[in-house]
N, C-alpha and C. Protein backbone atom coordinates (compact mmCIF):
# COMPACT_ATOMS: atom_id res chain seq x y z
N UNK A 1 27.28 -0.32 -18.03
CA UNK A 1 26.64 -1.24 -16.98
C UNK A 1 27.01 -1.28 -15.51
N UNK A 2 28.20 -1.51 -15.58
CA UNK A 2 28.83 -1.72 -13.90
C UNK A 2 28.54 -0.34 -13.17
N UNK A 3 28.67 0.84 -14.11
CA UNK A 3 28.59 2.05 -13.18
C UNK A 3 27.04 2.25 -12.68
N UNK A 4 26.21 1.72 -13.40
CA UNK A 4 24.76 2.02 -13.29
C UNK A 4 24.60 1.09 -11.86
N UNK A 5 25.19 -0.01 -11.86
CA UNK A 5 24.96 -0.94 -10.67
C UNK A 5 25.65 -0.17 -9.38
N UNK A 6 26.68 0.31 -9.55
CA UNK A 6 27.54 0.91 -8.45
C UNK A 6 26.73 2.11 -8.08
N UNK A 7 26.03 2.91 -8.95
CA UNK A 7 25.66 4.08 -8.60
C UNK A 7 24.23 3.70 -7.70
N UNK A 8 23.67 2.55 -8.06
CA UNK A 8 22.51 2.11 -7.39
C UNK A 8 22.97 1.77 -6.11
N UNK A 9 23.83 1.03 -6.10
CA UNK A 9 24.22 0.50 -4.61
C UNK A 9 24.58 1.69 -3.90
N UNK A 10 25.29 2.78 -4.35
CA UNK A 10 25.52 3.84 -3.45
C UNK A 10 24.53 4.46 -3.07
N UNK A 11 23.35 4.88 -3.73
CA UNK A 11 21.96 5.38 -3.34
C UNK A 11 21.30 4.38 -2.48
N UNK A 12 21.43 3.17 -2.42
CA UNK A 12 20.71 2.46 -1.56
C UNK A 12 21.44 2.46 -0.41
N UNK A 13 22.68 2.50 -0.21
CA UNK A 13 23.56 2.50 0.98
C UNK A 13 23.40 3.93 1.62
N UNK A 14 23.24 5.07 0.76
CA UNK A 14 23.03 6.23 1.65
C UNK A 14 21.80 6.69 2.02
N UNK A 15 20.80 6.14 1.14
CA UNK A 15 19.30 6.64 1.16
C UNK A 15 18.41 5.39 1.48
N UNK A 16 19.08 4.03 1.87
CA UNK A 16 18.21 3.08 2.19
C UNK A 16 17.35 3.18 3.40
N UNK A 17 17.65 3.53 4.62
CA UNK A 17 17.02 3.71 5.92
C UNK A 17 15.67 4.74 5.39
N UNK A 18 16.14 5.76 4.66
CA UNK A 18 14.80 6.82 4.44
C UNK A 18 14.08 6.20 3.35
N UNK A 19 14.42 5.42 2.48
CA UNK A 19 13.57 4.67 1.56
C UNK A 19 12.69 3.89 2.29
N UNK A 20 13.47 3.12 3.03
CA UNK A 20 12.37 1.93 3.90
C UNK A 20 11.41 2.63 4.80
N UNK A 21 11.91 3.75 5.44
CA UNK A 21 10.91 4.40 6.16
C UNK A 21 9.72 5.33 5.49
N UNK A 22 10.00 5.71 4.39
CA UNK A 22 9.03 6.22 3.48
C UNK A 22 8.02 5.15 3.10
N UNK A 23 8.66 4.01 2.49
CA UNK A 23 7.67 2.70 2.29
C UNK A 23 6.89 2.34 3.28
N UNK A 24 7.32 1.94 4.47
CA UNK A 24 6.82 1.46 5.59
C UNK A 24 5.72 2.46 6.02
N UNK A 25 6.18 3.76 6.04
CA UNK A 25 4.87 4.77 6.55
C UNK A 25 3.80 4.76 5.36
N UNK A 26 4.02 4.55 4.08
CA UNK A 26 3.05 4.55 3.27
C UNK A 26 2.26 3.16 3.33
N UNK A 27 2.79 2.18 3.50
CA UNK A 27 2.05 0.76 3.94
C UNK A 27 1.15 0.83 5.01
N UNK A 28 1.76 1.54 6.30
CA UNK A 28 0.98 1.60 7.35
C UNK A 28 -0.22 2.35 6.99
N UNK A 29 0.12 3.52 6.42
CA UNK A 29 -1.17 4.38 6.15
C UNK A 29 -2.26 3.69 5.24
N UNK A 30 -1.78 3.07 4.31
CA UNK A 30 -2.55 2.36 3.32
C UNK A 30 -3.43 1.29 4.16
N UNK A 31 -2.75 0.68 5.01
CA UNK A 31 -3.37 -0.37 5.83
C UNK A 31 -4.39 0.28 6.68
N UNK A 32 -4.18 1.21 7.26
CA UNK A 32 -4.99 1.94 8.37
C UNK A 32 -6.01 2.50 7.78
N UNK A 33 -5.86 3.11 6.36
CA UNK A 33 -6.99 3.64 5.66
C UNK A 33 -7.86 2.78 5.00
N UNK A 34 -7.50 1.72 4.83
CA UNK A 34 -8.39 0.49 4.29
C UNK A 34 -9.55 0.11 5.22
N UNK A 35 -8.82 -0.14 6.64
CA UNK A 35 -9.64 -0.30 7.55
C UNK A 35 -10.64 0.61 7.96
N UNK A 36 -10.22 1.95 7.98
CA UNK A 36 -10.99 3.17 8.14
C UNK A 36 -12.22 3.13 7.06
N UNK A 37 -11.91 2.81 5.74
CA UNK A 37 -13.04 2.79 4.86
C UNK A 37 -13.94 1.74 4.88
N UNK A 38 -13.53 0.60 5.57
CA UNK A 38 -14.45 -0.29 5.93
C UNK A 38 -15.34 0.33 7.02
N UNK A 39 -15.00 0.50 8.03
CA UNK A 39 -15.82 1.12 8.92
C UNK A 39 -16.81 2.02 8.50
N UNK A 40 -16.18 2.89 7.61
CA UNK A 40 -16.98 4.20 7.23
C UNK A 40 -18.23 3.73 6.43
N UNK A 41 -17.92 2.79 5.55
CA UNK A 41 -18.70 2.02 4.37
C UNK A 41 -19.81 1.34 5.27
N UNK A 42 -19.53 0.64 6.19
CA UNK A 42 -20.45 -0.12 7.23
C UNK A 42 -21.28 1.05 7.43
N UNK A 43 -21.20 1.98 7.79
CA UNK A 43 -22.08 3.00 8.41
C UNK A 43 -22.87 3.60 7.33
N UNK A 44 -22.04 4.25 6.35
CA UNK A 44 -22.78 5.03 5.46
C UNK A 44 -22.01 4.88 3.94
N UNK A 45 -22.72 4.42 2.95
CA UNK A 45 -22.13 4.18 1.70
C UNK A 45 -21.81 5.63 1.19
N UNK A 46 -22.73 6.34 1.37
CA UNK A 46 -22.24 7.55 0.85
C UNK A 46 -20.79 8.24 1.08
N UNK A 47 -20.52 8.30 2.67
CA UNK A 47 -19.05 8.82 2.91
C UNK A 47 -18.04 7.80 2.61
N UNK A 48 -18.54 6.45 2.36
CA UNK A 48 -17.58 5.61 2.15
C UNK A 48 -16.97 5.82 0.72
N UNK A 49 -17.92 6.22 -0.20
CA UNK A 49 -17.35 6.51 -1.65
C UNK A 49 -16.15 7.42 -1.51
N UNK A 50 -16.25 8.52 -0.57
CA UNK A 50 -15.13 9.54 -0.50
C UNK A 50 -13.96 9.01 0.28
N UNK A 51 -14.13 8.15 1.09
CA UNK A 51 -13.01 7.58 1.93
C UNK A 51 -12.16 6.49 1.08
N UNK A 52 -12.85 5.75 0.12
CA UNK A 52 -12.18 4.63 -0.66
C UNK A 52 -10.83 5.07 -1.10
N UNK A 53 -10.88 6.16 -2.02
CA UNK A 53 -9.61 6.71 -2.77
C UNK A 53 -8.43 6.84 -1.83
N UNK A 54 -8.67 7.29 -0.57
CA UNK A 54 -7.53 7.62 0.18
C UNK A 54 -6.45 6.54 0.39
N UNK A 55 -6.61 5.17 0.55
CA UNK A 55 -5.61 4.29 0.77
C UNK A 55 -4.61 4.27 -0.62
N UNK A 56 -5.46 4.56 -1.70
CA UNK A 56 -4.57 4.60 -2.96
C UNK A 56 -3.61 5.93 -2.76
N UNK A 57 -4.28 6.95 -2.50
CA UNK A 57 -3.55 8.04 -2.49
C UNK A 57 -2.25 8.16 -1.29
N UNK A 58 -2.63 7.45 -0.42
CA UNK A 58 -1.42 7.45 0.50
C UNK A 58 -0.19 6.44 0.01
N UNK A 59 -0.50 5.31 -0.91
CA UNK A 59 0.49 4.66 -1.29
C UNK A 59 1.37 5.40 -2.46
N UNK A 60 0.37 6.39 -3.33
CA UNK A 60 1.20 7.24 -4.21
C UNK A 60 2.07 8.25 -3.66
N UNK A 61 1.25 8.77 -2.52
CA UNK A 61 2.41 9.92 -1.98
C UNK A 61 3.57 9.29 -1.45
N UNK A 62 3.61 7.97 -1.02
CA UNK A 62 4.57 7.23 -0.33
C UNK A 62 5.73 7.28 -1.56
N UNK A 63 5.26 6.65 -2.70
CA UNK A 63 6.07 6.36 -3.89
C UNK A 63 6.87 7.74 -4.50
N UNK A 64 5.91 8.86 -4.27
CA UNK A 64 6.63 10.08 -4.65
C UNK A 64 7.61 10.80 -3.57
N UNK A 65 7.11 10.55 -2.31
CA UNK A 65 8.38 10.75 -1.34
C UNK A 65 9.56 9.95 -1.60
N UNK A 66 9.53 8.69 -1.90
CA UNK A 66 10.53 7.85 -2.38
C UNK A 66 11.44 8.39 -3.33
N UNK A 67 10.67 8.72 -4.36
CA UNK A 67 11.50 9.23 -5.75
C UNK A 67 12.13 10.71 -5.39
N UNK A 68 11.63 11.54 -4.59
CA UNK A 68 12.37 12.68 -3.98
C UNK A 68 13.29 12.47 -3.22
N UNK A 69 13.21 11.22 -2.49
CA UNK A 69 14.60 11.02 -1.58
C UNK A 69 15.63 10.71 -2.38
N UNK A 70 15.38 9.71 -3.57
CA UNK A 70 16.30 9.28 -4.57
C UNK A 70 16.76 10.42 -5.21
N UNK A 71 16.16 11.26 -5.72
CA UNK A 71 16.59 12.62 -6.52
C UNK A 71 17.59 13.49 -5.90
N UNK A 72 17.45 13.42 -4.50
CA UNK A 72 18.54 14.14 -3.76
C UNK A 72 19.66 13.34 -3.58
N UNK A 73 19.96 12.21 -3.77
CA UNK A 73 21.14 11.41 -3.76
C UNK A 73 22.05 11.68 -4.77
């Protein structure tokens, strides 16, 4: 149990800034894409259907990037 906590601390110490950057990039993209989806939907509901999944995709991509960062550690 102690080795797991030690490993987690080591990974966070070494890769913490990269993980935080990936999370913040995903959160910013998610926020901006939600705003974009609102504007597009207000103008055209048809195109709004295609833009609405993009914020979820941005969040998913940021999680995958964070997992890839942790895997390298």
